[in-house]
PDB file of N, CA and C in Angstrom:
ATOM      1  N   MET A   1      -5.371  74.356   4.326  1.00  0.00           N
ATOM      2  CA  MET A   1      -4.029  74.566   3.835  1.00  0.00           C
ATOM      3  C   MET A   1      -3.930  74.237   2.358  1.00  0.00           C
ATOM      4  N   ASN A   2      -4.711  73.264   1.892  1.00  0.00           N
ATOM      5  CA  ASN A   2      -4.633  72.911   0.475  1.00  0.00           C
ATOM      6  C   ASN A   2      -5.045  74.071  -0.413  1.00  0.00           C
ATOM      7  N   VAL A   3      -6.005  74.870   0.029  1.00  0.00           N
ATOM      8  CA  VAL A   3      -6.402  76.042  -0.758  1.00  0.00           C
ATOM      9  C   VAL A   3      -5.216  76.982  -0.891  1.00  0.00           C
ATOM     10  N   VAL A   4      -4.485  77.189   0.178  1.00  0.00           N
ATOM     11  CA  VAL A   4      -3.326  78.081   0.153  1.00  0.00           C
ATOM     12  C   VAL A   4      -2.209  77.478  -0.697  1.00  0.00           C
ATOM     13  N   MET A   5      -1.957  76.181  -0.540  1.00  0.00           N
ATOM     14  CA  MET A   5      -0.840  75.557  -1.241  1.00  0.00           C
ATOM     15  C   MET A   5      -1.123  75.331  -2.732  1.00  0.00           C
ATOM     16  N   TYR A   6      -2.362  74.954  -3.061  1.00  0.00           N
ATOM     17  CA  TYR A   6      -2.653  74.524  -4.426  1.00  0.00           C
ATOM     18  C   TYR A   6      -3.755  75.303  -5.127  1.00  0.00           C
ATOM     19  N   GLY A   7      -4.623  75.947  -4.385  1.00  0.00           N
ATOM     20  CA  GLY A   7      -5.862  76.472  -4.932  1.00  0.00           C
ATOM     21  C   GLY A   7      -5.764  77.698  -5.799  1.00  0.00           C
ATOM     22  N   SER A   8      -4.691  78.395  -5.776  1.00  0.00           N
ATOM     23  CA  SER A   8      -4.465  79.649  -6.498  1.00  0.00           C
ATOM     24  C   SER A   8      -5.431  80.744  -6.057  1.00  0.00           C
ATOM     25  N   ASP A   9      -6.694  80.481  -5.979  1.00  0.00           N
ATOM     26  CA  ASP A   9      -7.660  81.392  -5.362  1.00  0.00           C
ATOM     27  C   ASP A   9      -8.866  80.576  -4.932  1.00  0.00           C
ATOM     28  N   GLY A  10      -9.635  81.136  -4.037  1.00  0.00           N
ATOM     29  CA  GLY A  10     -10.786  80.404  -3.545  1.00  0.00           C
ATOM     30  C   GLY A  10     -11.554  81.220  -2.536  1.00  0.00           C
ATOM     31  N   THR A  11     -12.589  80.600  -1.998  1.00  0.00           N
ATOM     32  CA  THR A  11     -13.408  81.252  -0.984  1.00  0.00           C
ATOM     33  C   THR A  11     -13.669  80.282   0.163  1.00  0.00           C
ATOM     34  N   ILE A  12     -13.803  80.863   1.340  1.00  0.00           N
ATOM     35  CA  ILE A  12     -14.209  80.115   2.521  1.00  0.00           C
ATOM     36  C   ILE A  12     -15.378  80.865   3.114  1.00  0.00           C
ATOM     37  N   SER A  13     -16.487  80.162   3.324  1.00  0.00           N
ATOM     38  CA  SER A  13     -17.645  80.808   3.949  1.00  0.00           C
ATOM     39  C   SER A  13     -18.009  80.051   5.222  1.00  0.00           C
ATOM     40  N   LEU A  14     -18.497  80.809   6.172  1.00  0.00           N
ATOM     41  CA  LEU A  14     -18.871  80.267   7.470  1.00  0.00           C
ATOM     42  C   LEU A  14     -20.295  80.688   7.771  1.00  0.00           C
ATOM     43  N   THR A  15     -21.130  79.710   8.105  1.00  0.00           N
ATOM     44  CA  THR A  15     -22.503  79.978   8.516  1.00  0.00           C
ATOM     45  C   THR A  15     -22.678  79.407   9.916  1.00  0.00           C
ATOM     46  N   VAL A  16     -23.136  80.240  10.832  1.00  0.00           N
ATOM     47  CA  VAL A  16     -23.348  79.812  12.210  1.00  0.00           C
ATOM     48  C   VAL A  16     -24.775  80.151  12.593  1.00  0.00           C
ATOM     49  N   ASP A  17     -25.494  79.155  13.089  1.00  0.00           N
ATOM     50  CA  ASP A  17     -26.811  79.426  13.657  1.00  0.00           C
ATOM     51  C   ASP A  17     -26.962  78.593  14.919  1.00  0.00           C
ATOM     52  N   THR A  18     -28.120  78.566  15.490  1.00  0.00           N
ATOM     53  CA  THR A  18     -28.299  77.869  16.769  1.00  0.00           C
ATOM     54  C   THR A  18     -28.201  76.364  16.640  1.00  0.00           C
ATOM     55  N   ASP A  19     -28.366  75.817  15.441  1.00  0.00           N
ATOM     56  CA  ASP A  19     -28.355  74.374  15.244  1.00  0.00           C
ATOM     57  C   ASP A  19     -27.047  73.815  14.710  1.00  0.00           C
ATOM     58  N   GLU A  20     -26.324  74.601  13.909  1.00  0.00           N
ATOM     59  CA  GLU A  20     -25.124  74.054  13.286  1.00  0.00           C
ATOM     60  C   GLU A  20     -24.156  75.132  12.825  1.00  0.00           C
ATOM     61  N   ILE A  21     -22.948  74.682  12.581  1.00  0.00           N
ATOM     62  CA  ILE A  21     -21.913  75.498  11.967  1.00  0.00           C
ATOM     63  C   ILE A  21     -21.583  74.835  10.641  1.00  0.00           C
ATOM     64  N   ILE A  22     -21.594  75.617   9.572  1.00  0.00           N
ATOM     65  CA  ILE A  22     -21.292  75.087   8.246  1.00  0.00           C
ATOM     66  C   ILE A  22     -20.111  75.866   7.674  1.00  0.00           C
ATOM     67  N   ILE A  23     -19.116  75.136   7.224  1.00  0.00           N
ATOM     68  CA  ILE A  23     -17.954  75.723   6.567  1.00  0.00           C
ATOM     69  C   ILE A  23     -17.941  75.199   5.132  1.00  0.00           C
ATOM     70  N   GLU A  24     -17.883  76.123   4.177  1.00  0.00           N
ATOM     71  CA  GLU A  24     -17.793  75.740   2.771  1.00  0.00           C
ATOM     72  C   GLU A  24     -16.510  76.333   2.197  1.00  0.00           C
ATOM     73  N   VAL A  25     -15.752  75.502   1.523  1.00  0.00           N
ATOM     74  CA  VAL A  25     -14.476  75.911   0.939  1.00  0.00           C
ATOM     75  C   VAL A  25     -14.512  75.574  -0.550  1.00  0.00           C
ATOM     76  N   ARG A  26     -14.206  76.560  -1.372  1.00  0.00           N
ATOM     77  CA  ARG A  26     -14.127  76.362  -2.827  1.00  0.00           C
ATOM     78  C   ARG A  26     -12.790  76.913  -3.300  1.00  0.00           C
ATOM     79  N   ASP A  27     -12.147  76.176  -4.205  1.00  0.00           N
ATOM     80  CA  ASP A  27     -10.944  76.725  -4.814  1.00  0.00           C
ATOM     81  C   ASP A  27     -10.937  76.428  -6.302  1.00  0.00           C
ATOM     82  N   ASN A  28     -10.066  77.105  -7.000  1.00  0.00           N
ATOM     83  CA  ASN A  28      -9.931  76.944  -8.448  1.00  0.00           C
ATOM     84  C   ASN A  28      -8.605  76.284  -8.794  1.00  0.00           C
ATOM     85  N   GLY A  29      -8.160  75.397  -7.931  1.00  0.00           N
ATOM     86  CA  GLY A  29      -6.878  74.734  -8.126  1.00  0.00           C
ATOM     87  C   GLY A  29      -6.954  73.570  -9.097  1.00  0.00           C
ATOM     88  N   PRO A  30      -5.950  72.715  -9.042  1.00  0.00           N
ATOM     89  CA  PRO A  30      -5.854  71.613  -9.994  1.00  0.00           C
ATOM     90  C   PRO A  30      -6.836  70.470  -9.725  1.00  0.00           C
ATOM     91  N   GLY A  31      -7.518  70.512  -8.595  1.00  0.00           N
ATOM     92  CA  GLY A  31      -8.431  69.429  -8.239  1.00  0.00           C
ATOM     93  C   GLY A  31      -7.681  68.281  -7.579  1.00  0.00           C
ATOM     94  N   ILE A  32      -8.440  67.377  -7.013  1.00  0.00           N
ATOM     95  CA  ILE A  32      -7.875  66.203  -6.348  1.00  0.00           C
ATOM     96  C   ILE A  32      -8.088  65.020  -7.278  1.00  0.00           C
ATOM     97  N   ASP A  33      -7.001  64.382  -7.688  1.00  0.00           N
ATOM     98  CA  ASP A  33      -7.098  63.264  -8.636  1.00  0.00           C
ATOM     99  C   ASP A  33      -7.872  62.079  -8.065  1.00  0.00           C
ATOM    100  N   ASP A  34      -7.610  61.728  -6.820  1.00  0.00           N
ATOM    101  CA  ASP A  34      -8.204  60.536  -6.212  1.00  0.00           C
ATOM    102  C   ASP A  34      -8.664  60.892  -4.798  1.00  0.00           C
ATOM    103  N   ILE A  35      -9.937  61.216  -4.658  1.00  0.00           N
ATOM    104  CA  ILE A  35     -10.457  61.645  -3.355  1.00  0.00           C
ATOM    105  C   ILE A  35     -10.332  60.530  -2.322  1.00  0.00           C
ATOM    106  N   ASP A  36     -10.612  59.290  -2.698  1.00  0.00           N
ATOM    107  CA  ASP A  36     -10.486  58.181  -1.737  1.00  0.00           C
ATOM    108  C   ASP A  36      -9.064  58.095  -1.190  1.00  0.00           C
ATOM    109  N   LEU A  37      -8.085  58.258  -2.054  1.00  0.00           N
ATOM    110  CA  LEU A  37      -6.690  58.234  -1.619  1.00  0.00           C
ATOM    111  C   LEU A  37      -6.386  59.440  -0.731  1.00  0.00           C
ATOM    112  N   ALA A  38      -6.887  60.612  -1.102  1.00  0.00           N
ATOM    113  CA  ALA A  38      -6.651  61.823  -0.319  1.00  0.00           C
ATOM    114  C   ALA A  38      -7.264  61.732   1.080  1.00  0.00           C
ATOM    115  N   LEU A  39      -8.266  60.891   1.252  1.00  0.00           N
ATOM    116  CA  LEU A  39      -8.910  60.729   2.553  1.00  0.00           C
ATOM    117  C   LEU A  39      -8.223  59.684   3.434  1.00  0.00           C
ATOM    118  N   GLN A  40      -7.184  59.057   2.926  1.00  0.00           N
ATOM    119  CA  GLN A  40      -6.444  58.082   3.726  1.00  0.00           C
ATOM    120  C   GLN A  40      -5.446  58.803   4.630  1.00  0.00           C
ATOM    121  N   GLU A  41      -5.430  58.414   5.898  1.00  0.00           N
ATOM    122  CA  GLU A  41      -4.508  59.022   6.852  1.00  0.00           C
ATOM    123  C   GLU A  41      -3.074  58.825   6.379  1.00  0.00           C
ATOM    124  N   GLY A  42      -2.320  59.910   6.393  1.00  0.00           N
ATOM    125  CA  GLY A  42      -0.910  59.863   6.024  1.00  0.00           C
ATOM    126  C   GLY A  42      -0.626  60.169   4.568  1.00  0.00           C
ATOM    127  N   TYR A  43      -1.653  60.154   3.718  1.00  0.00           N
ATOM    128  CA  TYR A  43      -1.420  60.455   2.307  1.00  0.00           C
ATOM    129  C   TYR A  43      -1.297  61.965   2.122  1.00  0.00           C
ATOM    130  N   SER A  44      -0.283  62.395   1.403  1.00  0.00           N
ATOM    131  CA  SER A  44      -0.076  63.819   1.183  1.00  0.00           C
ATOM    132  C   SER A  44       0.619  64.043  -0.156  1.00  0.00           C
ATOM    133  N   THR A  45       0.271  65.141  -0.797  1.00  0.00           N
ATOM    134  CA  THR A  45       0.964  65.565  -2.008  1.00  0.00           C
ATOM    135  C   THR A  45       1.798  66.816  -1.738  1.00  0.00           C
ATOM    136  N   ALA A  46       1.969  67.155  -0.467  1.00  0.00           N
ATOM    137  CA  ALA A  46       2.712  68.360  -0.102  1.00  0.00           C
ATOM    138  C   ALA A  46       4.158  68.256  -0.571  1.00  0.00           C
ATOM    139  N   SER A  47       4.664  69.358  -1.066  1.00  0.00           N
ATOM    140  CA  SER A  47       6.051  69.416  -1.515  1.00  0.00           C
ATOM    141  C   SER A  47       6.994  69.365  -0.315  1.00  0.00           C
ATOM    142  N   HIS A  48       8.251  69.113  -0.591  1.00  0.00           N
ATOM    143  CA  HIS A  48       9.287  69.106   0.451  1.00  0.00           C
ATOM    144  C   HIS A  48       9.304  70.449   1.193  1.00  0.00           C
ATOM    145  N   GLU A  49       9.134  71.537   0.449  1.00  0.00           N
ATOM    146  CA  GLU A  49       9.130  72.881   1.049  1.00  0.00           C
ATOM    147  C   GLU A  49       8.010  73.027   2.088  1.00  0.00           C
ATOM    148  N   PHE A  50       6.794  72.583   1.753  1.00  0.00           N
ATOM    149  CA  PHE A  50       5.685  72.687   2.701  1.00  0.00           C
ATOM    150  C   PHE A  50       5.869  71.735   3.875  1.00  0.00           C
ATOM    151  N   ARG A  51       6.432  70.556   3.619  1.00  0.00           N
ATOM    152  CA  ARG A  51       6.691  69.615   4.719  1.00  0.00           C
ATOM    153  C   ARG A  51       7.697  70.197   5.706  1.00  0.00           C
ATOM    154  N   GLU A  52       8.698  70.906   5.205  1.00  0.00           N
ATOM    155  CA  GLU A  52       9.680  71.537   6.085  1.00  0.00           C
ATOM    156  C   GLU A  52       9.039  72.593   6.980  1.00  0.00           C
ATOM    157  N   MET A  53       7.914  73.174   6.540  1.00  0.00           N
ATOM    158  CA  MET A  53       7.206  74.168   7.346  1.00  0.00           C
ATOM    159  C   MET A  53       6.213  73.514   8.309  1.00  0.00           C
ATOM    160  N   GLY A  54       6.137  72.180   8.303  1.00  0.00           N
ATOM    161  CA  GLY A  54       5.269  71.475   9.240  1.00  0.00           C
ATOM    162  C   GLY A  54       3.929  71.057   8.668  1.00  0.00           C
ATOM    163  N   PHE A  55       3.733  71.249   7.376  1.00  0.00           N
ATOM    164  CA  PHE A  55       2.474  70.855   6.740  1.00  0.00           C
ATOM    165  C   PHE A  55       2.673  69.542   5.989  1.00  0.00           C
ATOM    166  N   GLY A  56       1.576  68.957   5.559  1.00  0.00           N
ATOM    167  CA  GLY A  56       1.672  67.776   4.717  1.00  0.00           C
ATOM    168  C   GLY A  56       1.742  66.461   5.458  1.00  0.00           C
ATOM    169  N   ALA A  57       1.174  66.405   6.654  1.00  0.00           N
ATOM    170  CA  ALA A  57       1.168  65.149   7.407  1.00  0.00           C
ATOM    171  C   ALA A  57       0.105  64.183   6.895  1.00  0.00           C
ATOM    172  N   GLY A  58      -0.762  64.667   6.016  1.00  0.00           N
ATOM    173  CA  GLY A  58      -1.796  63.796   5.484  1.00  0.00           C
ATOM    174  C   GLY A  58      -2.922  63.511   6.462  1.00  0.00           C
ATOM    175  N   MET A  59      -3.164  64.440   7.371  1.00  0.00           N
ATOM    176  CA  MET A  59      -4.220  64.237   8.366  1.00  0.00           C
ATOM    177  C   MET A  59      -5.350  65.255   8.239  1.00  0.00           C
ATOM    178  N   GLY A  60      -5.205  66.246   7.374  1.00  0.00           N
ATOM    179  CA  GLY A  60      -6.214  67.298   7.267  1.00  0.00           C
ATOM    180  C   GLY A  60      -7.590  66.777   6.903  1.00  0.00           C
ATOM    181  N   LEU A  61      -7.741  66.253   5.707  1.00  0.00           N
ATOM    182  CA  LEU A  61      -9.059  65.752   5.278  1.00  0.00           C
ATOM    183  C   LEU A  61      -9.546  64.592   6.136  1.00  0.00           C
ATOM    184  N   PRO A  62      -8.696  63.602   6.471  1.00  0.00           N
ATOM    185  CA  PRO A  62      -9.194  62.519   7.327  1.00  0.00           C
ATOM    186  C   PRO A  62      -9.709  63.016   8.682  1.00  0.00           C
ATOM    187  N   ASN A  63      -9.005  63.981   9.291  1.00  0.00           N
ATOM    188  CA  ASN A  63      -9.458  64.496  10.589  1.00  0.00           C
ATOM    189  C   ASN A  63     -10.735  65.308  10.465  1.00  0.00           C
ATOM    190  N   ILE A  64     -10.845  66.080   9.391  1.00  0.00           N
ATOM    191  CA  ILE A  64     -12.088  66.838   9.176  1.00  0.00           C
ATOM    192  C   ILE A  64     -13.255  65.868   9.055  1.00  0.00           C
ATOM    193  N   LYS A  65     -13.092  64.849   8.223  1.00  0.00           N
ATOM    194  CA  LYS A  65     -14.180  63.879   8.011  1.00  0.00           C
ATOM    195  C   LYS A  65     -14.541  63.157   9.312  1.00  0.00           C
ATOM    196  N   LYS A  66     -13.526  62.786  10.080  1.00  0.00           N
ATOM    197  CA  LYS A  66     -13.760  62.045  11.320  1.00  0.00           C
ATOM    198  C   LYS A  66     -14.503  62.881  12.360  1.00  0.00           C
ATOM    199  N   ASN A  67     -14.236  64.179  12.414  1.00  0.00           N
ATOM    200  CA  ASN A  67     -14.800  65.025  13.462  1.00  0.00           C
ATOM    201  C   ASN A  67     -16.051  65.797  13.064  1.00  0.00           C
ATOM    202  N   ALA A  68     -16.370  65.832  11.791  1.00  0.00           N
ATOM    203  CA  ALA A  68     -17.558  66.559  11.330  1.00  0.00           C
ATOM    204  C   ALA A  68     -18.800  65.683  11.462  1.00  0.00           C
ATOM    205  N   ASP A  69     -19.938  66.333  11.622  1.00  0.00           N
ATOM    206  CA  ASP A  69     -21.206  65.604  11.616  1.00  0.00           C
ATOM    207  C   ASP A  69     -21.629  65.244  10.194  1.00  0.00           C
ATOM    208  N   SER A  70     -21.270  66.092   9.248  1.00  0.00           N
ATOM    209  CA  SER A  70     -21.435  65.723   7.843  1.00  0.00           C
ATOM    210  C   SER A  70     -20.287  66.339   7.053  1.00  0.00           C
ATOM    211  N   PHE A  71     -19.914  65.651   5.998  1.00  0.00           N
ATOM    212  CA  PHE A  71     -18.726  65.990   5.230  1.00  0.00           C
ATOM    213  C   PHE A  71     -19.021  65.691   3.766  1.00  0.00           C
ATOM    214  N   GLU A  72     -18.773  66.666   2.932  1.00  0.00           N
ATOM    215  CA  GLU A  72     -19.034  66.508   1.499  1.00  0.00           C
ATOM    216  C   GLU A  72     -17.839  67.082   0.744  1.00  0.00           C
ATOM    217  N   ILE A  73     -17.338  66.331  -0.229  1.00  0.00           N
ATOM    218  CA  ILE A  73     -16.221  66.828  -1.024  1.00  0.00           C
ATOM    219  C   ILE A  73     -16.430  66.450  -2.485  1.00  0.00           C
ATOM    220  N   HIS A  74     -16.191  67.409  -3.357  1.00  0.00           N
ATOM    221  CA  HIS A  74     -16.266  67.203  -4.803  1.00  0.00           C
ATOM    222  C   HIS A  74     -15.046  67.864  -5.412  1.00  0.00           C
ATOM    223  N   SER A  75     -14.491  67.234  -6.423  1.00  0.00           N
ATOM    224  CA  SER A  75     -13.329  67.807  -7.076  1.00  0.00           C
ATOM    225  C   SER A  75     -13.297  67.375  -8.534  1.00  0.00           C
ATOM    226  N   ARG A  76     -12.881  68.300  -9.382  1.00  0.00           N
ATOM    227  CA  ARG A  76     -12.745  68.005 -10.810  1.00  0.00           C
ATOM    228  C   ARG A  76     -11.376  68.474 -11.275  1.00  0.00           C
ATOM    229  N   LYS A  77     -10.722  67.634 -12.029  1.00  0.00           N
ATOM    230  CA  LYS A  77      -9.387  67.955 -12.540  1.00  0.00           C
ATOM    231  C   LYS A  77      -9.419  69.291 -13.283  1.00  0.00           C
ATOM    232  N   SER A  78      -8.512  70.157 -12.942  1.00  0.00           N
ATOM    233  CA  SER A  78      -8.355  71.497 -13.529  1.00  0.00           C
ATOM    234  C   SER A  78      -9.516  72.439 -13.240  1.00  0.00           C
ATOM    235  N   LYS A  79     -10.461  72.024 -12.387  1.00  0.00           N
ATOM    236  CA  LYS A  79     -11.625  72.868 -12.077  1.00  0.00           C
ATOM    237  C   LYS A  79     -11.687  73.263 -10.607  1.00  0.00           C
ATOM    238  N   GLY A  80     -10.967  72.547  -9.760  1.00  0.00           N
ATOM    239  CA  GLY A  80     -10.970  72.904  -8.355  1.00  0.00           C
ATOM    240  C   GLY A  80     -11.706  71.924  -7.474  1.00  0.00           C
ATOM    241  N   THR A  81     -11.836  72.325  -6.215  1.00  0.00           N
ATOM    242  CA  THR A  81     -12.397  71.454  -5.184  1.00  0.00           C
ATOM    243  C   THR A  81     -13.419  72.224  -4.362  1.00  0.00           C
ATOM    244  N   TYR A  82     -14.454  71.507  -3.936  1.00  0.00           N
ATOM    245  CA  TYR A  82     -15.503  72.048  -3.067  1.00  0.00           C
ATOM    246  C   TYR A  82     -15.586  71.146  -1.849  1.00  0.00           C
ATOM    247  N   LEU A  83     -15.599  71.737  -0.678  1.00  0.00           N
ATOM    248  CA  LEU A  83     -15.690  71.002   0.576  1.00  0.00           C
ATOM    249  C   LEU A  83     -16.749  71.658   1.446  1.00  0.00           C
ATOM    250  N   LYS A  84     -17.666  70.851   1.977  1.00  0.00           N
ATOM    251  CA  LYS A  84     -18.689  71.343   2.902  1.00  0.00           C
ATOM    252  C   LYS A  84     -18.606  70.512   4.172  1.00  0.00           C
ATOM    253  N   ILE A  85     -18.453  71.213   5.291  1.00  0.00           N
ATOM    254  CA  ILE A  85     -18.290  70.570   6.586  1.00  0.00           C
ATOM    255  C   ILE A  85     -19.374  71.114   7.514  1.00  0.00           C
ATOM    256  N   CYS A  86     -20.096  70.230   8.179  1.00  0.00           N
ATOM    257  CA  CYS A  86     -21.149  70.655   9.116  1.00  0.00           C
ATOM    258  C   CYS A  86     -20.880  70.076  10.495  1.00  0.00           C
ATOM    259  N   PHE A  87     -21.062  70.925  11.483  1.00  0.00           N
ATOM    260  CA  PHE A  87     -20.977  70.523  12.886  1.00  0.00           C
ATOM    261  C   PHE A  87     -22.291  70.904  13.546  1.00  0.00           C
ATOM    262  N   ARG A  88     -22.975  69.924  14.109  1.00  0.00           N
ATOM    263  CA  ARG A  88     -24.222  70.218  14.815  1.00  0.00           C
ATOM    264  C   ARG A  88     -23.909  70.720  16.219  1.00  0.00           C
ATOM    265  N   MET A  89     -24.683  71.695  16.663  1.00  0.00           N
ATOM    266  CA  MET A  89     -24.502  72.252  17.995  1.00  0.00           C
ATOM    267  C   MET A  89     -25.169  71.335  19.024  1.00  0.00           C
ATOM    268  N   ASN A  90     -24.655  71.365  20.235  1.00  0.00           N
ATOM    269  CA  ASN A  90     -25.226  70.605  21.354  1.00  0.00           C
ATOM    270  C   ASN A  90     -25.317  69.121  21.064  1.00  0.00           C
ATOM    271  N   ARG A  91     -24.429  68.618  20.269  1.00  0.00           N
ATOM    272  CA  ARG A  91     -24.392  67.205  19.906  1.00  0.00           C
ATOM    273  C   ARG A  91     -24.214  66.333  21.141  1.00  0.00           C
ATOM    274  N   ASP A  92     -23.360  66.740  22.100  1.00  0.00           N
ATOM    275  CA  ASP A  92     -23.135  65.937  23.293  1.00  0.00           C
ATOM    276  C   ASP A  92     -24.386  65.824  24.135  1.00  0.00           C
ATOM    277  N   ASN A  93     -25.144  66.918  24.251  1.00  0.00           N
ATOM    278  CA  ASN A  93     -26.382  66.880  25.017  1.00  0.00           C
ATOM    279  C   ASN A  93     -27.399  65.958  24.370  1.00  0.00           C
ATOM    280  N   GLU A  94     -27.475  65.957  23.040  1.00  0.00           N
ATOM    281  CA  GLU A  94     -28.403  65.062  22.338  1.00  0.00           C
ATOM    282  C   GLU A  94     -28.028  63.621  22.554  1.00  0.00           C
ATOM    283  N   GLN A  95     -26.726  63.301  22.507  1.00  0.00           N
ATOM    284  CA  GLN A  95     -26.274  61.927  22.695  1.00  0.00           C
ATOM    285  C   GLN A  95     -26.549  61.464  24.117  1.00  0.00           C
ATOM    286  N   ARG A  96     -26.335  62.337  25.089  1.00  0.00           N
ATOM    287  CA  ARG A  96     -26.588  61.969  26.479  1.00  0.00           C
ATOM    288  C   ARG A  96     -28.068  61.683  26.717  1.00  0.00           C
ATOM    289  N   SER A  97     -28.935  62.449  26.082  1.00  0.00           N
ATOM    290  CA  SER A  97     -30.357  62.255  26.344  1.00  0.00           C
ATOM    291  C   SER A  97     -30.905  60.981  25.713  1.00  0.00           C
ATOM    292  N   THR A  98     -30.168  60.374  24.771  1.00  0.00           N
ATOM    293  CA  THR A  98     -30.658  59.144  24.152  1.00  0.00           C
ATOM    294  C   THR A  98     -30.080  57.902  24.812  1.00  0.00           C
ATOM    295  N   LYS A  99     -29.189  58.076  25.783  1.00  0.00           N
ATOM    296  CA  LYS A  99     -28.580  56.909  26.451  1.00  0.00           C
ATOM    297  C   LYS A  99     -29.470  56.392  27.535  1.00  0.00           C
TER     298      LYS A  99
END
């Protein structure tokens, strides 16, 4: 949603293979001033207008990070943001076999 709300333009790519799913998101927006703050549950910079539409709960990035197997984010002021999210396939089966 941040790409739509702030990014002005960007790309989302999806790679799926037998081992993992990788989502990469790039935008040319204003960037994230404080990534650590943006990763805190409940923190949001969403405008009143977007909040009225049900967005801006401040759970997007924290939930992505919590549920991904790997999470990478880079952002530069006035240059945009890059996000890479990886989900390994058959993760539950691997965890069960090590118990």
